[in-house]
């Protein structure tokens, strides 16, 4: 995509963190911005800031863990704003604790928001893109979707699911001759938004600033990249997992890079939405 001027950009979890940064970038680029979030106060504050910058912004209080909420508000967006040209599936949630410490409600909520929410939001807006023959869907996964990590098992599982689904969707578009509907999977390491407060940065894996990952996501979207991985070390982890025996991989990732202890001091907001 060469330009987003007058394009409709929808961002889930758009009131805070990377979602807010993507909204700011969209406004600067001349897009019409639709924000979905569950935090009404943050949603309105962000919208006011963006409108003060000259942005055309529409806000909807949406819970992406609720399919009915997704479908109802999707119809509103299509009726009040128009076909979504660019979708940033950004809303997410993390609970950083041992698997058996998770409650039933936490497990269900993580999977509903991080997996089912992502799929259903894409499902309701993809037909409009297909009718136009073009569009971009950007799905926020995680480096945790490539490697397991103690104290984030359910979160990691949700991101593994997103990666598999997102890649499959990209291939379906290509197979059906819809190459102009581009699907990008984003797999960052930890981002400094408060969602992962207290984590220890693994070796050679700096905690990403929201501005840095936002720029990478935006450029990846414009170029129609299949993957946006950040920092660069994430690419190495993907390769190492494919070529190293499990015991050696565990030693390298756990003892050398110290990934497996990165969540030991986690203090983030358990159940925080958005990246």
Foldseek 3Di string as FASTA:
>chain_A
DQAQAAAEEEEEVLLFFLNLVLVLVCQVRHYAYEYEYQDPVSQVVSVVVSVVVVHNYHYDNADLLDLVRLQVVLVVCCVPPRAHAEYELFKAFFFFAAPVVDDPVLLSSRLSNLAVSLVSNCVSRVVSCVVVLAHEYEYEAALLCQDPAGRGRSNSVSSVNVLVVQLVVQVVCVVVVSPRYFGEYEHEYAAPRLSFPFFDQFPPRDHHYSNVVSVQSVVCRNVSPRYRYPDPCSVVLNVCVVPDDPVVNCCCVCVVRVRRCRNVGTDGDHTDIGD
